[in-house]
Amino acid sequence: MGDTSRLPTALSRGLGVRRSVRLSRVVKHTGLPPEALLDLAIELVERLADRLPRHASDNAARVGLASGRWNRTPAEKRSAILRAVARARWTRKSDDEPGQ
């Protein structure tokens, strides 16, 4: 039986030095051929990717939910909320100004 930790030249060139050395170590440690290890790695990545959220980020999903909630709020209530926010901002601004 030949040296199974030796990678094919084309694969080694494609992976680069650092990844080739790392893959050679794993091949030597497990005794599996590089193709089988790469197949296992791809399978693991696919399974883990299925567990990730479908949205680009959780923040985008939260913003979408917030805008939907805001759109379902009656106009009178939205107006009252915005007035309260503006009042609080002006109150805070006048408190921060020196000489008051």
Protein backbone atom coordinates (compact mmCIF):
# COMPACT_ATOMS: atom_id res chain seq x y z
CA MET A 1 0.00 0.00 0.00
CA GLY A 2 1.40 3.42 -1.01
CA ASP A 3 1.64 6.65 0.93
CA THR A 4 -1.98 7.77 1.37
CA SER A 5 -1.01 11.10 2.91
CA ARG A 6 0.40 12.28 -0.41
CA LEU A 7 -2.01 14.63 -2.18
CA PRO A 8 -2.42 14.73 -5.96
CA THR A 9 -0.42 17.61 -7.47
CA ALA A 10 -3.44 19.32 -9.03
CA LEU A 11 -5.32 19.24 -5.73
CA SER A 12 -2.29 20.49 -3.84
CA ARG A 13 -1.86 23.42 -6.22
CA GLY A 14 -5.53 24.29 -6.06
CA LEU A 15 -5.64 24.27 -2.27
CA GLY A 16 -2.43 26.18 -1.66
CA VAL A 17 0.39 25.34 0.72
CA ARG A 18 -1.31 25.89 4.08
CA ARG A 19 -4.47 23.93 3.25
CA SER A 20 -2.48 21.17 1.51
CA VAL A 21 -0.34 20.65 4.60
CA ARG A 22 -3.39 20.61 6.81
CA LEU A 23 -5.25 18.15 4.56
CA SER A 24 -2.14 15.91 4.39
CA ARG A 25 -2.03 15.78 8.17
CA VAL A 26 -5.70 14.78 8.39
CA VAL A 27 -5.22 12.16 5.64
CA LYS A 28 -2.26 10.72 7.52
CA HIS A 29 -4.16 10.78 10.84
CA THR A 30 -7.38 9.18 9.55
CA GLY A 31 -6.07 7.00 6.74
CA LEU A 32 -8.91 8.21 4.50
CA PRO A 33 -8.22 9.42 0.95
CA PRO A 34 -8.33 13.22 0.39
CA GLU A 35 -11.40 12.96 -1.85
CA ALA A 36 -13.39 11.21 0.89
CA LEU A 37 -12.33 13.81 3.47
CA LEU A 38 -13.35 16.65 1.17
CA ASP A 39 -16.72 14.98 0.57
CA LEU A 40 -17.25 14.67 4.33
CA ALA A 41 -16.28 18.31 4.85
CA ILE A 42 -18.72 19.47 2.19
CA GLU A 43 -21.47 17.33 3.73
CA LEU A 44 -20.83 18.87 7.15
CA VAL A 45 -20.94 22.40 5.75
CA GLU A 46 -24.21 21.67 3.93
CA ARG A 47 -25.81 20.30 7.10
CA LEU A 48 -24.67 23.26 9.18
CA ALA A 49 -25.83 25.71 6.51
CA ASP A 50 -29.35 24.28 6.78
CA ARG A 51 -29.40 25.32 10.45
CA LEU A 52 -28.47 28.95 9.72
CA PRO A 53 -31.20 31.59 9.52
CA ARG A 54 -32.48 32.24 6.01
CA HIS A 55 -32.16 36.02 6.37
CA ALA A 56 -28.90 37.83 5.69
CA SER A 57 -28.92 38.97 9.28
CA ASP A 58 -31.17 38.71 12.28
CA ASN A 59 -31.20 42.50 12.47
CA ALA A 60 -32.84 42.74 9.04
CA ALA A 61 -35.58 40.42 10.24
CA ARG A 62 -36.12 42.48 13.38
CA VAL A 63 -36.37 45.69 11.35
CA GLY A 64 -38.91 44.03 9.07
CA LEU A 65 -40.99 42.94 12.04
CA ALA A 66 -40.81 46.39 13.60
CA SER A 67 -41.92 48.12 10.41
CA GLY A 68 -44.84 45.71 10.08
CA ARG A 69 -45.87 46.39 13.65
CA TRP A 70 -45.57 50.16 13.07
CA ASN A 71 -47.69 49.95 9.92
CA ARG A 72 -50.45 48.20 11.86
CA THR A 73 -50.48 50.93 14.52
CA PRO A 74 -53.40 53.35 14.10
CA ALA A 75 -52.52 56.83 12.82
CA GLU A 76 -53.64 58.56 16.04
CA LYS A 77 -51.41 56.36 18.17
CA ARG A 78 -48.43 56.85 15.82
CA SER A 79 -48.91 60.59 16.03
CA ALA A 80 -49.03 60.51 19.84
CA ILE A 81 -45.88 58.36 20.00
CA LEU A 82 -43.98 60.70 17.66
CA ARG A 83 -45.10 63.77 19.64
CA ALA A 84 -43.84 62.15 22.85
CA VAL A 85 -40.50 61.32 21.23
CA ALA A 86 -40.09 64.88 19.93
CA ARG A 87 -41.05 66.34 23.31
CA ALA A 88 -38.51 64.11 25.07
CA ARG A 89 -35.81 65.10 22.60
CA TRP A 90 -36.45 68.81 23.09
CA THR A 91 -36.60 68.40 26.86
CA ARG A 92 -33.28 66.57 26.87
CA LYS A 93 -31.72 69.20 24.57
CA SER A 94 -32.79 72.08 26.81
CA ASP A 95 -31.47 70.23 29.89
CA ASP A 96 -28.07 69.78 28.22
CA GLU A 97 -27.65 73.45 27.26
CA PRO A 98 -25.44 75.46 29.64
CA GLY A 99 -26.85 78.56 31.31
CA GLN A 100 -30.34 77.23 31.79
